[in-house]
């Protein structure tokens, strides 16, 4: 009987201790809630950081749409620190450099993007444009020739190719004239209403020192008129001299 009482006493003591522990646990938990003590959530800091870089990208887009490309570039540079949006921000940053005519920064970035997507015709055209704006007509022509080979009826490629050929004035007559004529005829055949045809033709004539037949006929008529006038003047002078000699005689 004594043993049983002892066991019962121990059970009561243990139950009492458990109740006290539970009581203080409840107090501690309620105090955290009522006093506003924040409990850190695992991974929360990383989520906040990722959200910040996502916001940088959104801000970059906002400034880009407002055509404030320099400001947009600042945010795209920050957005590139987030791994999963690095290339999207990289591409947008490259476009900012193009729109601000920062060719030295734009060129290596577009070359790098093209390495990741070597069959992208739009990227090739952009790279050709950047080369031409840097005065590197050789590389620009090479890219446009490749694009036209793939898409021989693409109006934009034909126009830009002709423009680059004409821009390289020093080498035009010796190296680019034949290429120009062939491409010009293609553009004229496929797009006879193209607004730039006349401008291309005028520039070609200027570089090749070609004068229109109408202009030549006008010039010849003017020269013939001048010759006739000179002859009449000479005849008049001769007649005057003859009369003066007769009078003296």
C-alpha atoms as a PDB file:
ATOM      1  CA  UNK A   1       0.000   0.000   0.000  1.00  0.00           C
ATOM      2  CA  UNK A   2       2.837   2.435   0.766  1.00  0.00           C
ATOM      3  CA  UNK A   3       4.365   1.775  -2.610  1.00  0.00           C
ATOM      4  CA  UNK A   4       1.108   2.577  -4.295  1.00  0.00           C
ATOM      5  CA  UNK A   5       0.815   5.865  -2.404  1.00  0.00           C
ATOM      6  CA  UNK A   6       4.370   6.772  -3.375  1.00  0.00           C
ATOM      7  CA  UNK A   7       3.650   6.105  -7.029  1.00  0.00           C
ATOM      8  CA  UNK A   8       0.521   8.183  -6.842  1.00  0.00           C
ATOM      9  CA  UNK A   9       2.505  11.004  -5.233  1.00  0.00           C
ATOM     10  CA  UNK A  10       5.113  10.893  -7.971  1.00  0.00           C
ATOM     11  CA  UNK A  11       2.404  10.983 -10.628  1.00  0.00           C
ATOM     12  CA  UNK A  12       0.894  14.051  -9.009  1.00  0.00           C
ATOM     13  CA  UNK A  13       4.255  15.796  -8.865  1.00  0.00           C
ATOM     14  CA  UNK A  14       5.007  14.952 -12.524  1.00  0.00           C
ATOM     15  CA  UNK A  15       1.584  16.149 -13.600  1.00  0.00           C
ATOM     16  CA  UNK A  16       2.121  19.357 -11.701  1.00  0.00           C
ATOM     17  CA  UNK A  17       5.463  20.029 -13.341  1.00  0.00           C
ATOM     18  CA  UNK A  18       4.006  19.368 -16.808  1.00  0.00           C
ATOM     19  CA  UNK A  19       1.192  21.777 -16.115  1.00  0.00           C
ATOM     20  CA  UNK A  20       3.646  24.463 -15.044  1.00  0.00           C
ATOM     21  CA  UNK A  21       5.787  23.955 -18.186  1.00  0.00           C
ATOM     22  CA  UNK A  22       2.724  24.088 -20.397  1.00  0.00           C
ATOM     23  CA  UNK A  23       1.528  27.226 -18.602  1.00  0.00           C
ATOM     24  CA  UNK A  24       4.808  29.075 -19.179  1.00  0.00           C
ATOM     25  CA  UNK A  25       4.918  27.891 -22.801  1.00  0.00           C
ATOM     26  CA  UNK A  26       1.494  29.391 -23.380  1.00  0.00           C
ATOM     27  CA  UNK A  27       2.562  32.639 -21.694  1.00  0.00           C
ATOM     28  CA  UNK A  28       5.719  32.832 -23.831  1.00  0.00           C
ATOM     29  CA  UNK A  29       3.797  32.219 -27.056  1.00  0.00           C
ATOM     30  CA  UNK A  30       1.103  34.748 -26.211  1.00  0.00           C
ATOM     31  CA  UNK A  31       3.700  37.345 -25.263  1.00  0.00           C
ATOM     32  CA  UNK A  32       5.316  37.021 -28.711  1.00  0.00           C
ATOM     33  CA  UNK A  33       1.994  37.720 -30.333  1.00  0.00           C
ATOM     34  CA  UNK A  34       0.859  40.531 -28.055  1.00  0.00           C
ATOM     35  CA  UNK A  35       4.196  42.364 -27.890  1.00  0.00           C
ATOM     36  CA  UNK A  36       4.717  42.312 -31.701  1.00  0.00           C
ATOM     37  CA  UNK A  37       8.023  40.439 -31.649  1.00  0.00           C
ATOM     38  CA  UNK A  38       8.669  39.201 -35.221  1.00  0.00           C
ATOM     39  CA  UNK A  39       9.832  35.669 -35.711  1.00  0.00           C
ATOM     40  CA  UNK A  40      12.145  35.330 -38.760  1.00  0.00           C
ATOM     41  CA  UNK A  41      10.814  33.065 -41.520  1.00  0.00           C
ATOM     42  CA  UNK A  42      13.398  30.782 -43.104  1.00  0.00           C
ATOM     43  CA  UNK A  43      14.326  32.025 -46.628  1.00  0.00           C
ATOM     44  CA  UNK A  44      12.462  35.314 -46.203  1.00  0.00           C
ATOM     45  CA  UNK A  45      15.572  37.467 -46.740  1.00  0.00           C
ATOM     46  CA  UNK A  46      16.286  35.724 -50.050  1.00  0.00           C
ATOM     47  CA  UNK A  47      12.727  36.299 -51.232  1.00  0.00           C
ATOM     48  CA  UNK A  48      12.962  40.006 -50.408  1.00  0.00           C
ATOM     49  CA  UNK A  49      16.242  40.284 -52.322  1.00  0.00           C
ATOM     50  CA  UNK A  50      14.781  38.553 -55.365  1.00  0.00           C
ATOM     51  CA  UNK A  51      11.765  40.838 -55.259  1.00  0.00           C
ATOM     52  CA  UNK A  52      14.012  43.915 -55.190  1.00  0.00           C
ATOM     53  CA  UNK A  53      15.835  42.845 -58.369  1.00  0.00           C
ATOM     54  CA  UNK A  54      12.517  42.065 -60.035  1.00  0.00           C
ATOM     55  CA  UNK A  55      11.439  45.606 -59.174  1.00  0.00           C
ATOM     56  CA  UNK A  56      14.629  46.948 -60.748  1.00  0.00           C
ATOM     57  CA  UNK A  57      13.707  45.188 -63.981  1.00  0.00           C
ATOM     58  CA  UNK A  58      10.178  46.631 -63.908  1.00  0.00           C
ATOM     59  CA  UNK A  59      11.563  50.114 -63.287  1.00  0.00           C
ATOM     60  CA  UNK A  60      13.957  49.634 -66.196  1.00  0.00           C
ATOM     61  CA  UNK A  61      11.027  48.746 -68.456  1.00  0.00           C
ATOM     62  CA  UNK A  62       9.099  51.801 -67.270  1.00  0.00           C
ATOM     63  CA  UNK A  63      11.930  54.180 -68.149  1.00  0.00           C
ATOM     64  CA  UNK A  64      12.542  52.312 -71.415  1.00  0.00           C
ATOM     65  CA  UNK A  65       8.912  52.829 -72.459  1.00  0.00           C
ATOM     66  CA  UNK A  66       9.299  56.517 -71.628  1.00  0.00           C
ATOM     67  CA  UNK A  67      12.366  56.557 -73.918  1.00  0.00           C
ATOM     68  CA  UNK A  68      14.590  57.538 -71.009  1.00  0.00           C
ATOM     69  CA  UNK A  69      17.181  54.981 -72.027  1.00  0.00           C
ATOM     70  CA  UNK A  70      20.070  56.132 -69.851  1.00  0.00           C
ATOM     71  CA  UNK A  71      17.943  55.871 -66.724  1.00  0.00           C
ATOM     72  CA  UNK A  72      16.562  52.526 -67.868  1.00  0.00           C
ATOM     73  CA  UNK A  73      20.119  51.262 -68.360  1.00  0.00           C
ATOM     74  CA  UNK A  74      20.929  51.945 -64.700  1.00  0.00           C
ATOM     75  CA  UNK A  75      18.088  49.704 -63.508  1.00  0.00           C
ATOM     76  CA  UNK A  76      18.777  46.952 -66.027  1.00  0.00           C
ATOM     77  CA  UNK A  77      22.344  46.794 -64.736  1.00  0.00           C
ATOM     78  CA  UNK A  78      20.993  46.277 -61.223  1.00  0.00           C
ATOM     79  CA  UNK A  79      18.419  43.739 -62.435  1.00  0.00           C
ATOM     80  CA  UNK A  80      21.200  41.656 -64.024  1.00  0.00           C
ATOM     81  CA  UNK A  81      22.330  40.667 -60.516  1.00  0.00           C
ATOM     82  CA  UNK A  82      19.363  38.305 -60.343  1.00  0.00           C
ATOM     83  CA  UNK A  83      20.449  35.112 -62.051  1.00  0.00           C
ATOM     84  CA  UNK A  84      17.151  34.036 -63.595  1.00  0.00           C
ATOM     85  CA  UNK A  85      16.569  37.419 -65.267  1.00  0.00           C
ATOM     86  CA  UNK A  86      20.195  38.125 -66.202  1.00  0.00           C
ATOM     87  CA  UNK A  87      19.876  37.607 -69.960  1.00  0.00           C
ATOM     88  CA  UNK A  88      16.569  39.422 -70.282  1.00  0.00           C
ATOM     89  CA  UNK A  89      18.064  42.460 -68.521  1.00  0.00           C
ATOM     90  CA  UNK A  90      21.290  42.061 -70.530  1.00  0.00           C
ATOM     91  CA  UNK A  91      19.371  42.269 -73.822  1.00  0.00           C
ATOM     92  CA  UNK A  92      17.379  45.296 -72.702  1.00  0.00           C
ATOM     93  CA  UNK A  93      20.579  47.008 -71.578  1.00  0.00           C
ATOM     94  CA  UNK A  94      22.121  46.367 -75.009  1.00  0.00           C
ATOM     95  CA  UNK A  95      19.092  47.990 -76.658  1.00  0.00           C
ATOM     96  CA  UNK A  96      19.514  51.020 -74.388  1.00  0.00           C
ATOM     97  CA  UNK A  97      23.080  51.392 -75.651  1.00  0.00           C
ATOM     98  CA  UNK A  98      21.826  51.299 -79.259  1.00  0.00           C
ATOM     99  CA  UNK A  99      19.186  53.954 -78.622  1.00  0.00           C
ATOM    100  CA  UNK A 100      21.773  56.195 -76.957  1.00  0.00           C
ATOM    101  CA  UNK A 101      24.259  55.624 -79.822  1.00  0.00           C
ATOM    102  CA  UNK A 102      26.746  54.027 -77.429  1.00  0.00           C
ATOM    103  CA  UNK A 103      28.114  51.732 -80.136  1.00  0.00           C
ATOM    104  CA  UNK A 104      31.248  50.695 -78.246  1.00  0.00           C
ATOM    105  CA  UNK A 105      29.158  49.124 -75.490  1.00  0.00           C
ATOM    106  CA  UNK A 106      26.383  47.897 -77.765  1.00  0.00           C
ATOM    107  CA  UNK A 107      28.651  45.955 -80.153  1.00  0.00           C
ATOM    108  CA  UNK A 108      30.194  43.395 -77.735  1.00  0.00           C
ATOM    109  CA  UNK A 109      26.832  42.848 -76.049  1.00  0.00           C
ATOM    110  CA  UNK A 110      25.022  42.088 -79.315  1.00  0.00           C
ATOM    111  CA  UNK A 111      27.845  39.783 -80.385  1.00  0.00           C
ATOM    112  CA  UNK A 112      27.478  37.912 -77.109  1.00  0.00           C
ATOM    113  CA  UNK A 113      23.695  37.657 -77.485  1.00  0.00           C
ATOM    114  CA  UNK A 114      24.083  36.397 -81.051  1.00  0.00           C
ATOM    115  CA  UNK A 115      26.451  33.691 -79.818  1.00  0.00           C
ATOM    116  CA  UNK A 116      23.577  32.370 -77.706  1.00  0.00           C
ATOM    117  CA  UNK A 117      21.122  32.537 -80.621  1.00  0.00           C
ATOM    118  CA  UNK A 118      23.206  32.346 -83.838  1.00  0.00           C
ATOM    119  CA  UNK A 119      20.229  31.838 -86.182  1.00  0.00           C
ATOM    120  CA  UNK A 120      18.335  34.933 -85.032  1.00  0.00           C
ATOM    121  CA  UNK A 121      17.986  37.150 -88.135  1.00  0.00           C
ATOM    122  CA  UNK A 122      16.813  40.148 -86.132  1.00  0.00           C
ATOM    123  CA  UNK A 123      19.965  40.067 -83.991  1.00  0.00           C
ATOM    124  CA  UNK A 124      22.120  39.765 -87.125  1.00  0.00           C
ATOM    125  CA  UNK A 125      20.429  42.817 -88.653  1.00  0.00           C
ATOM    126  CA  UNK A 126      20.963  44.777 -85.434  1.00  0.00           C
ATOM    127  CA  UNK A 127      24.641  43.833 -85.393  1.00  0.00           C
ATOM    128  CA  UNK A 128      25.012  44.870 -89.053  1.00  0.00           C
ATOM    129  CA  UNK A 129      23.426  48.215 -88.216  1.00  0.00           C
ATOM    130  CA  UNK A 130      25.826  48.756 -85.293  1.00  0.00           C
ATOM    131  CA  UNK A 131      28.819  47.958 -87.522  1.00  0.00           C
ATOM    132  CA  UNK A 132      27.629  50.472 -90.115  1.00  0.00           C
ATOM    133  CA  UNK A 133      27.182  53.179 -87.489  1.00  0.00           C
ATOM    134  CA  UNK A 134      30.752  52.574 -86.360  1.00  0.00           C
ATOM    135  CA  UNK A 135      31.939  52.960 -89.947  1.00  0.00           C
ATOM    136  CA  UNK A 136      32.813  49.286 -90.225  1.00  0.00           C
ATOM    137  CA  UNK A 137      31.120  48.843 -93.613  1.00  0.00           C
ATOM    138  CA  UNK A 138      33.005  45.650 -94.437  1.00  0.00           C
ATOM    139  CA  UNK A 139      31.448  43.630 -91.594  1.00  0.00           C
ATOM    140  CA  UNK A 140      28.089  45.291 -92.080  1.00  0.00           C
ATOM    141  CA  UNK A 141      27.992  44.376 -95.786  1.00  0.00           C
ATOM    142  CA  UNK A 142      29.028  40.806 -94.987  1.00  0.00           C
ATOM    143  CA  UNK A 143      26.139  40.320 -92.568  1.00  0.00           C
ATOM    144  CA  UNK A 144      23.553  41.899 -94.884  1.00  0.00           C
ATOM    145  CA  UNK A 145      24.721  39.708 -97.759  1.00  0.00           C
ATOM    146  CA  UNK A 146      24.130  36.647 -95.602  1.00  0.00           C
ATOM    147  CA  UNK A 147      20.681  37.875 -94.604  1.00  0.00           C
ATOM    148  CA  UNK A 148      19.691  38.611 -98.226  1.00  0.00           C
ATOM    149  CA  UNK A 149      20.896  35.177 -99.275  1.00  0.00           C
ATOM    150  CA  UNK A 150      18.502  33.689 -96.723  1.00  0.00           C
ATOM    151  CA  UNK A 151      15.672  36.147 -97.436  1.00  0.00           C
ATOM    152  CA  UNK A 152      16.224  37.628-100.930  1.00  0.00           C
ATOM    153  CA  UNK A 153      12.891  39.490-100.981  1.00  0.00           C
ATOM    154  CA  UNK A 154      13.120  41.107 -97.557  1.00  0.00           C
ATOM    155  CA  UNK A 155      12.546  44.806 -98.275  1.00  0.00           C
ATOM    156  CA  UNK A 156      14.230  46.058 -95.101  1.00  0.00           C
ATOM    157  CA  UNK A 157      17.397  44.042 -95.727  1.00  0.00           C
ATOM    158  CA  UNK A 158      17.573  45.188 -99.356  1.00  0.00           C
ATOM    159  CA  UNK A 159      17.191  48.853 -98.375  1.00  0.00           C
ATOM    160  CA  UNK A 160      19.734  48.699 -95.567  1.00  0.00           C
ATOM    161  CA  UNK A 161      22.224  46.844 -97.760  1.00  0.00           C
ATOM    162  CA  UNK A 162      21.959  49.513-100.469  1.00  0.00           C
ATOM    163  CA  UNK A 163      22.345  52.259 -97.868  1.00  0.00           C
ATOM    164  CA  UNK A 164      25.529  50.688 -96.489  1.00  0.00           C
ATOM    165  CA  UNK A 165      26.990  50.242 -99.984  1.00  0.00           C
ATOM    166  CA  UNK A 166      26.352  53.910-100.737  1.00  0.00           C
ATOM    167  CA  UNK A 167      27.751  55.007 -97.376  1.00  0.00           C
ATOM    168  CA  UNK A 168      31.151  53.519 -98.214  1.00  0.00           C
ATOM    169  CA  UNK A 169      31.810  56.243-100.798  1.00  0.00           C
ATOM    170  CA  UNK A 170      35.549  55.715-101.133  1.00  0.00           C
ATOM    171  CA  UNK A 171      35.164  52.117-102.282  1.00  0.00           C
ATOM    172  CA  UNK A 172      31.852  52.466-104.081  1.00  0.00           C
ATOM    173  CA  UNK A 173      32.945  52.918-107.703  1.00  0.00           C
ATOM    174  CA  UNK A 174      35.567  50.157-107.626  1.00  0.00           C
ATOM    175  CA  UNK A 175      34.009  47.561-105.290  1.00  0.00           C
ATOM    176  CA  UNK A 176      30.347  48.248-104.603  1.00  0.00           C
ATOM    177  CA  UNK A 177      28.869  49.562-107.853  1.00  0.00           C
ATOM    178  CA  UNK A 178      28.052  46.162-109.353  1.00  0.00           C
ATOM    179  CA  UNK A 179      26.571  44.890-106.086  1.00  0.00           C
ATOM    180  CA  UNK A 180      24.495  48.033-105.860  1.00  0.00           C
ATOM    181  CA  UNK A 181      23.043  47.704-109.384  1.00  0.00           C
ATOM    182  CA  UNK A 182      22.057  44.059-108.838  1.00  0.00           C
ATOM    183  CA  UNK A 183      20.396  44.749-105.475  1.00  0.00           C
ATOM    184  CA  UNK A 184      18.772  47.963-106.685  1.00  0.00           C
ATOM    185  CA  UNK A 185      17.133  46.109-109.569  1.00  0.00           C
ATOM    186  CA  UNK A 186      15.858  43.452-107.150  1.00  0.00           C
ATOM    187  CA  UNK A 187      14.334  46.109-104.911  1.00  0.00           C
ATOM    188  CA  UNK A 188      12.831  47.918-107.902  1.00  0.00           C
ATOM    189  CA  UNK A 189      11.324  44.700-109.274  1.00  0.00           C
ATOM    190  CA  UNK A 190       9.869  43.455-105.999  1.00  0.00           C
ATOM    191  CA  UNK A 191       8.812  46.846-104.614  1.00  0.00           C
ATOM    192  CA  UNK A 192       8.289  49.314-107.503  1.00  0.00           C
ATOM    193  CA  UNK A 193       6.492  51.756-105.198  1.00  0.00           C
ATOM    194  CA  UNK A 194       9.349  51.942-102.703  1.00  0.00           C
ATOM    195  CA  UNK A 195       9.836  55.566-101.670  1.00  0.00           C
ATOM    196  CA  UNK A 196      13.624  55.282-101.443  1.00  0.00           C
ATOM    197  CA  UNK A 197      14.244  54.126-105.020  1.00  0.00           C
ATOM    198  CA  UNK A 198      14.698  57.649-106.376  1.00  0.00           C
ATOM    199  CA  UNK A 199      16.999  58.632-103.528  1.00  0.00           C
ATOM    200  CA  UNK A 200      19.156  55.530-104.065  1.00  0.00           C
ATOM    201  CA  UNK A 201      19.340  56.204-107.801  1.00  0.00           C
ATOM    202  CA  UNK A 202      20.312  59.859-107.346  1.00  0.00           C
ATOM    203  CA  UNK A 203      23.066  58.949-104.915  1.00  0.00           C
ATOM    204  CA  UNK A 204      24.347  56.267-107.281  1.00  0.00           C
ATOM    205  CA  UNK A 205      24.578  58.760-110.135  1.00  0.00           C
ATOM    206  CA  UNK A 206      26.350  61.225-107.886  1.00  0.00           C
ATOM    207  CA  UNK A 207      28.990  58.693-106.859  1.00  0.00           C
ATOM    208  CA  UNK A 208      29.441  57.414-110.414  1.00  0.00           C
ATOM    209  CA  UNK A 209      29.541  60.960-111.848  1.00  0.00           C
ATOM    210  CA  UNK A 210      26.654  60.163-114.158  1.00  0.00           C
ATOM    211  CA  UNK A 211      24.690  63.005-115.786  1.00  0.00           C
ATOM    212  CA  UNK A 212      21.149  62.474-117.060  1.00  0.00           C
ATOM    213  CA  UNK A 213      20.566  62.669-120.799  1.00  0.00           C
ATOM    214  CA  UNK A 214      18.189  65.609-120.288  1.00  0.00           C
ATOM    215  CA  UNK A 215      20.842  67.468-118.328  1.00  0.00           C
ATOM    216  CA  UNK A 216      23.425  66.646-121.001  1.00  0.00           C
ATOM    217  CA  UNK A 217      21.167  67.967-123.791  1.00  0.00           C
ATOM    218  CA  UNK A 218      20.486  71.140-121.800  1.00  0.00           C
ATOM    219  CA  UNK A 219      24.200  71.618-121.198  1.00  0.00           C
ATOM    220  CA  UNK A 220      24.969  71.022-124.880  1.00  0.00           C
ATOM    221  CA  UNK A 221      22.272  73.502-125.919  1.00  0.00           C
ATOM    222  CA  UNK A 222      23.702  76.064-123.516  1.00  0.00           C
ATOM    223  CA  UNK A 223      27.220  75.511-124.833  1.00  0.00           C
ATOM    224  CA  UNK A 224      25.986  75.768-128.434  1.00  0.00           C
ATOM    225  CA  UNK A 225      24.177  78.994-127.560  1.00  0.00           C
ATOM    226  CA  UNK A 226      27.321  80.396-126.000  1.00  0.00           C
ATOM    227  CA  UNK A 227      29.352  79.440-129.069  1.00  0.00           C
ATOM    228  CA  UNK A 228      26.803  81.161-131.350  1.00  0.00           C
ATOM    229  CA  UNK A 229      26.916  84.290-129.236  1.00  0.00           C
ATOM    230  CA  UNK A 230      30.699  84.288-129.327  1.00  0.00           C
ATOM    231  CA  UNK A 231      30.668  83.895-133.083  1.00  0.00           C
ATOM    232  CA  UNK A 232      28.228  86.806-133.451  1.00  0.00           C
ATOM    233  CA  UNK A 233      30.387  88.965-131.209  1.00  0.00           C
ATOM    234  CA  UNK A 234      33.470  88.097-133.235  1.00  0.00           C
ATOM    235  CA  UNK A 235      31.643  88.925-136.512  1.00  0.00           C
ATOM    236  CA  UNK A 236      30.499  92.264-135.107  1.00  0.00           C
ATOM    237  CA  UNK A 237      34.015  93.069-133.948  1.00  0.00           C
ATOM    238  CA  UNK A 238      35.376  92.173-137.407  1.00  0.00           C
ATOM    239  CA  UNK A 239      32.770  94.371-139.099  1.00  0.00           C
ATOM    240  CA  UNK A 240      33.643  97.285-136.819  1.00  0.00           C
ATOM    241  CA  UNK A 241      37.340  96.886-137.504  1.00  0.00           C
ATOM    242  CA  UNK A 242      36.688  96.749-141.267  1.00  0.00           C
ATOM    243  CA  UNK A 243      34.593  99.923-141.231  1.00  0.00           C
ATOM    244  CA  UNK A 244      37.216 101.749-139.189  1.00  0.00           C
ATOM    245  CA  UNK A 245      39.926 100.740-141.705  1.00  0.00           C
ATOM    246  CA  UNK A 246      37.766 101.925-144.621  1.00  0.00           C
ATOM    247  CA  UNK A 247      37.164 105.306-142.989  1.00  0.00           C
ATOM    248  CA  UNK A 248      40.869 105.814-142.388  1.00  0.00           C
ATOM    249  CA  UNK A 249      41.593 104.966-145.972  1.00  0.00           C
END
